C-alpha atoms as a PDB file:
ATOM      1  CA  MET A   1      -0.828  -0.749  17.886  1.00  0.00           C
ATOM      2  CA  GLU A   2       2.439  -0.168  16.064  1.00  0.00           C
ATOM      3  CA  LYS A   3       4.840   2.271  17.725  1.00  0.00           C
ATOM      4  CA  ILE A   4       7.307   4.826  16.375  1.00  0.00           C
ATOM      5  CA  VAL A   5      10.012   6.732  18.227  1.00  0.00           C
ATOM      6  CA  ILE A   6      10.930  10.206  16.986  1.00  0.00           C
ATOM      7  CA  VAL A   7      14.181  11.820  18.124  1.00  0.00           C
ATOM      8  CA  LEU A   8      14.675  15.593  17.943  1.00  0.00           C
ATOM      9  CA  ASN A   9      18.249  16.856  18.252  1.00  0.00           C
ATOM     10  CA  GLU A  10      17.741  20.425  17.027  1.00  0.00           C
ATOM     11  CA  GLY A  11      16.414  23.488  18.836  1.00  0.00           C
ATOM     12  CA  PRO A  12      13.183  25.416  18.250  1.00  0.00           C
ATOM     13  CA  THR A  13      14.668  27.676  15.577  1.00  0.00           C
ATOM     14  CA  ASN A  14      15.479  24.727  13.314  1.00  0.00           C
ATOM     15  CA  MET A  15      12.970  23.513  10.743  1.00  0.00           C
ATOM     16  CA  LYS A  16      14.048  19.906  11.400  1.00  0.00           C
ATOM     17  CA  SER A  17      12.421  20.013  14.828  1.00  0.00           C
ATOM     18  CA  TRP A  18       9.267  21.625  13.433  1.00  0.00           C
ATOM     19  CA  ASN A  19       9.071  18.939  10.757  1.00  0.00           C
ATOM     20  CA  GLY A  20       9.687  16.203  13.313  1.00  0.00           C
ATOM     21  CA  LEU A  21       6.696  17.396  15.345  1.00  0.00           C
ATOM     22  CA  ARG A  22       4.541  17.637  12.211  1.00  0.00           C
ATOM     23  CA  VAL A  23       5.505  14.068  11.304  1.00  0.00           C
ATOM     24  CA  ALA A  24       4.630  12.946  14.845  1.00  0.00           C
ATOM     25  CA  ALA A  25       1.124  14.365  14.408  1.00  0.00           C
ATOM     26  CA  GLY A  26       0.865  12.608  11.062  1.00  0.00           C
ATOM     27  CA  PHE A  27       1.673   9.250  12.635  1.00  0.00           C
ATOM     28  CA  VAL A  28      -0.980   9.838  15.296  1.00  0.00           C
ATOM     29  CA  GLY A  29      -3.382  10.429  12.401  1.00  0.00           C
ATOM     30  CA  VAL A  30      -2.646   6.969  10.976  1.00  0.00           C
ATOM     31  CA  ASP A  31      -3.214   5.284  14.343  1.00  0.00           C
ATOM     32  CA  MET A  32       0.351   4.757  15.498  1.00  0.00           C
ATOM     33  CA  GLU A  33       1.609   5.142  19.034  1.00  0.00           C
ATOM     34  CA  VAL A  34       4.191   7.944  19.040  1.00  0.00           C
ATOM     35  CA  GLU A  35       6.916   8.640  21.574  1.00  0.00           C
ATOM     36  CA  ILE A  36       9.254  11.619  21.198  1.00  0.00           C
ATOM     37  CA  PHE A  37      12.704  11.970  22.742  1.00  0.00           C
ATOM     38  CA  LEU A  38      14.415  15.339  22.955  1.00  0.00           C
ATOM     39  CA  PHE A  39      18.213  15.257  22.950  1.00  0.00           C
ATOM     40  CA  ASP A  40      20.930  17.923  22.722  1.00  0.00           C
ATOM     41  CA  ALA A  41      19.416  21.295  21.654  1.00  0.00           C
ATOM     42  CA  GLY A  42      16.113  19.481  21.109  1.00  0.00           C
ATOM     43  CA  VAL A  43      15.336  19.958  24.801  1.00  0.00           C
ATOM     44  CA  TYR A  44      14.858  23.671  24.090  1.00  0.00           C
ATOM     45  CA  THR A  45      11.847  22.875  21.890  1.00  0.00           C
ATOM     46  CA  ALA A  46       9.939  22.137  25.095  1.00  0.00           C
ATOM     47  CA  ILE A  47      10.745  25.346  27.006  1.00  0.00           C
ATOM     48  CA  LYS A  48       7.650  27.078  28.368  1.00  0.00           C
ATOM     49  CA  GLY A  49       6.827  30.629  27.300  1.00  0.00           C
ATOM     50  CA  GLN A  50       8.363  30.698  23.827  1.00  0.00           C
ATOM     51  CA  LYS A  51       7.601  33.944  22.025  1.00  0.00           C
ATOM     52  CA  PRO A  52       8.787  33.766  18.426  1.00  0.00           C
ATOM     53  CA  PRO A  53       8.298  36.870  16.251  1.00  0.00           C
ATOM     54  CA  GLU A  54       4.809  37.216  14.776  1.00  0.00           C
ATOM     55  CA  GLU A  55       5.978  36.136  11.318  1.00  0.00           C
ATOM     56  CA  LEU A  56       7.363  32.931  12.866  1.00  0.00           C
ATOM     57  CA  LYS A  57       4.498  32.269  15.265  1.00  0.00           C
ATOM     58  CA  GLY A  58       4.029  28.784  13.808  1.00  0.00           C
ATOM     59  CA  LEU A  59       7.475  27.894  15.118  1.00  0.00           C
ATOM     60  CA  ASN A  60       6.358  27.984  18.758  1.00  0.00           C
ATOM     61  CA  LEU A  61       7.330  24.368  19.281  1.00  0.00           C
ATOM     62  CA  ALA A  62       6.249  24.357  22.922  1.00  0.00           C
ATOM     63  CA  GLU A  63       2.683  24.857  21.641  1.00  0.00           C
ATOM     64  CA  LYS A  64       3.134  22.018  19.139  1.00  0.00           C
ATOM     65  CA  ILE A  65       4.421  19.756  21.916  1.00  0.00           C
ATOM     66  CA  THR A  66       1.443  20.675  24.103  1.00  0.00           C
ATOM     67  CA  GLU A  67      -0.914  19.763  21.251  1.00  0.00           C
ATOM     68  CA  LEU A  68       0.838  16.411  20.818  1.00  0.00           C
ATOM     69  CA  LEU A  69       0.665  15.690  24.544  1.00  0.00           C
ATOM     70  CA  GLU A  70      -3.097  16.279  24.329  1.00  0.00           C
ATOM     71  CA  LEU A  71      -3.171  13.585  21.610  1.00  0.00           C
ATOM     72  CA  ASP A  72      -1.504  11.128  24.043  1.00  0.00           C
ATOM     73  CA  VAL A  73       1.939  11.397  22.462  1.00  0.00           C
ATOM     74  CA  LYS A  74       4.620  10.764  25.073  1.00  0.00           C
ATOM     75  CA  VAL A  75       7.346  13.423  25.093  1.00  0.00           C
ATOM     76  CA  ASN A  76      10.610  12.789  26.934  1.00  0.00           C
ATOM     77  CA  ALA A  77      13.658  15.004  27.447  1.00  0.00           C
ATOM     78  CA  CYS A  78      17.113  13.587  28.081  1.00  0.00           C
ATOM     79  CA  GLY A  79      17.973  14.392  31.691  1.00  0.00           C
ATOM     80  CA  THR A  80      21.667  14.844  30.951  1.00  0.00           C
ATOM     81  CA  CYS A  81      20.858  17.202  28.057  1.00  0.00           C
ATOM     82  CA  VAL A  82      18.428  19.169  30.228  1.00  0.00           C
ATOM     83  CA  LYS A  83      21.114  19.676  32.894  1.00  0.00           C
ATOM     84  CA  ALA A  84      23.829  20.435  30.323  1.00  0.00           C
ATOM     85  CA  GLY A  85      21.556  23.089  28.813  1.00  0.00           C
ATOM     86  CA  GLY A  86      21.131  24.818  32.169  1.00  0.00           C
ATOM     87  CA  LEU A  87      17.490  23.774  32.415  1.00  0.00           C
ATOM     88  CA  GLN A  88      15.340  22.055  35.009  1.00  0.00           C
ATOM     89  CA  ALA A  89      12.214  19.948  34.582  1.00  0.00           C
ATOM     90  CA  GLU A  90      10.117  22.948  35.702  1.00  0.00           C
ATOM     91  CA  ASP A  91      11.326  24.915  32.661  1.00  0.00           C
ATOM     92  CA  LEU A  92       9.670  22.441  30.313  1.00  0.00           C
ATOM     93  CA  VAL A  93       6.091  22.169  29.104  1.00  0.00           C
ATOM     94  CA  ASN A  94       3.868  20.354  31.593  1.00  0.00           C
ATOM     95  CA  GLY A  95       3.722  16.697  30.649  1.00  0.00           C
ATOM     96  CA  VAL A  96       7.258  16.420  29.250  1.00  0.00           C
ATOM     97  CA  VAL A  97       9.091  13.736  31.205  1.00  0.00           C
ATOM     98  CA  VAL A  98      12.792  14.044  31.995  1.00  0.00           C
ATOM     99  CA  CYS A  99      14.213  10.608  31.286  1.00  0.00           C
ATOM    100  CA  THR A 100      17.407   8.592  31.231  1.00  0.00           C
ATOM    101  CA  LEU A 101      19.348   7.013  28.407  1.00  0.00           C
ATOM    102  CA  THR A 102      18.152   3.640  29.674  1.00  0.00           C
ATOM    103  CA  ASP A 103      14.535   4.779  29.246  1.00  0.00           C
ATOM    104  CA  PHE A 104      15.333   5.737  25.657  1.00  0.00           C
ATOM    105  CA  CYS A 105      17.045   2.413  24.921  1.00  0.00           C
ATOM    106  CA  LYS A 106      14.158   0.386  26.346  1.00  0.00           C
ATOM    107  CA  THR A 107      11.663   2.344  24.257  1.00  0.00           C
ATOM    108  CA  VAL A 108      13.686   1.928  21.059  1.00  0.00           C
ATOM    109  CA  LYS A 109      14.036  -1.790  21.748  1.00  0.00           C
ATOM    110  CA  ALA A 110      10.240  -2.101  22.015  1.00  0.00           C
ATOM    111  CA  SER A 111       9.608  -0.093  18.846  1.00  0.00           C
ATOM    112  CA  LYS A 112       9.773  -1.135  15.197  1.00  0.00           C
ATOM    113  CA  ASN A 113      10.469   2.335  13.839  1.00  0.00           C
ATOM    114  CA  VAL A 114      12.777   5.212  14.784  1.00  0.00           C
ATOM    115  CA  LEU A 115      13.100   8.570  12.997  1.00  0.00           C
ATOM    116  CA  VAL A 116      15.793  11.110  13.844  1.00  0.00           C
ATOM    117  CA  PHE A 117      15.476  14.830  13.120  1.00  0.00           C
END
């Protein structure tokens, strides 16, 4: 199965991250293996307990990430970015893996496609 890596650098209030997660679901729908890496403010997309205003309820990216995890999408958060953002692994959605830059590089090396949002 062909694999794609999707990188999210923006936080949960940015439409780029929302679109990146939508695209990830689309690739699952065309039978591709998808692995997501959260860098910089992107780690905040995976924070548990997000409560956006009712009119922005669709922007609860933690829910979107949970849905993707249920579809066997791997979701990783940069460990350095997690620490720099004052977070811990326990603050993130269950199933999100805190990883290293080496993990990211190995995954990119094994993948034909990389998208950055």
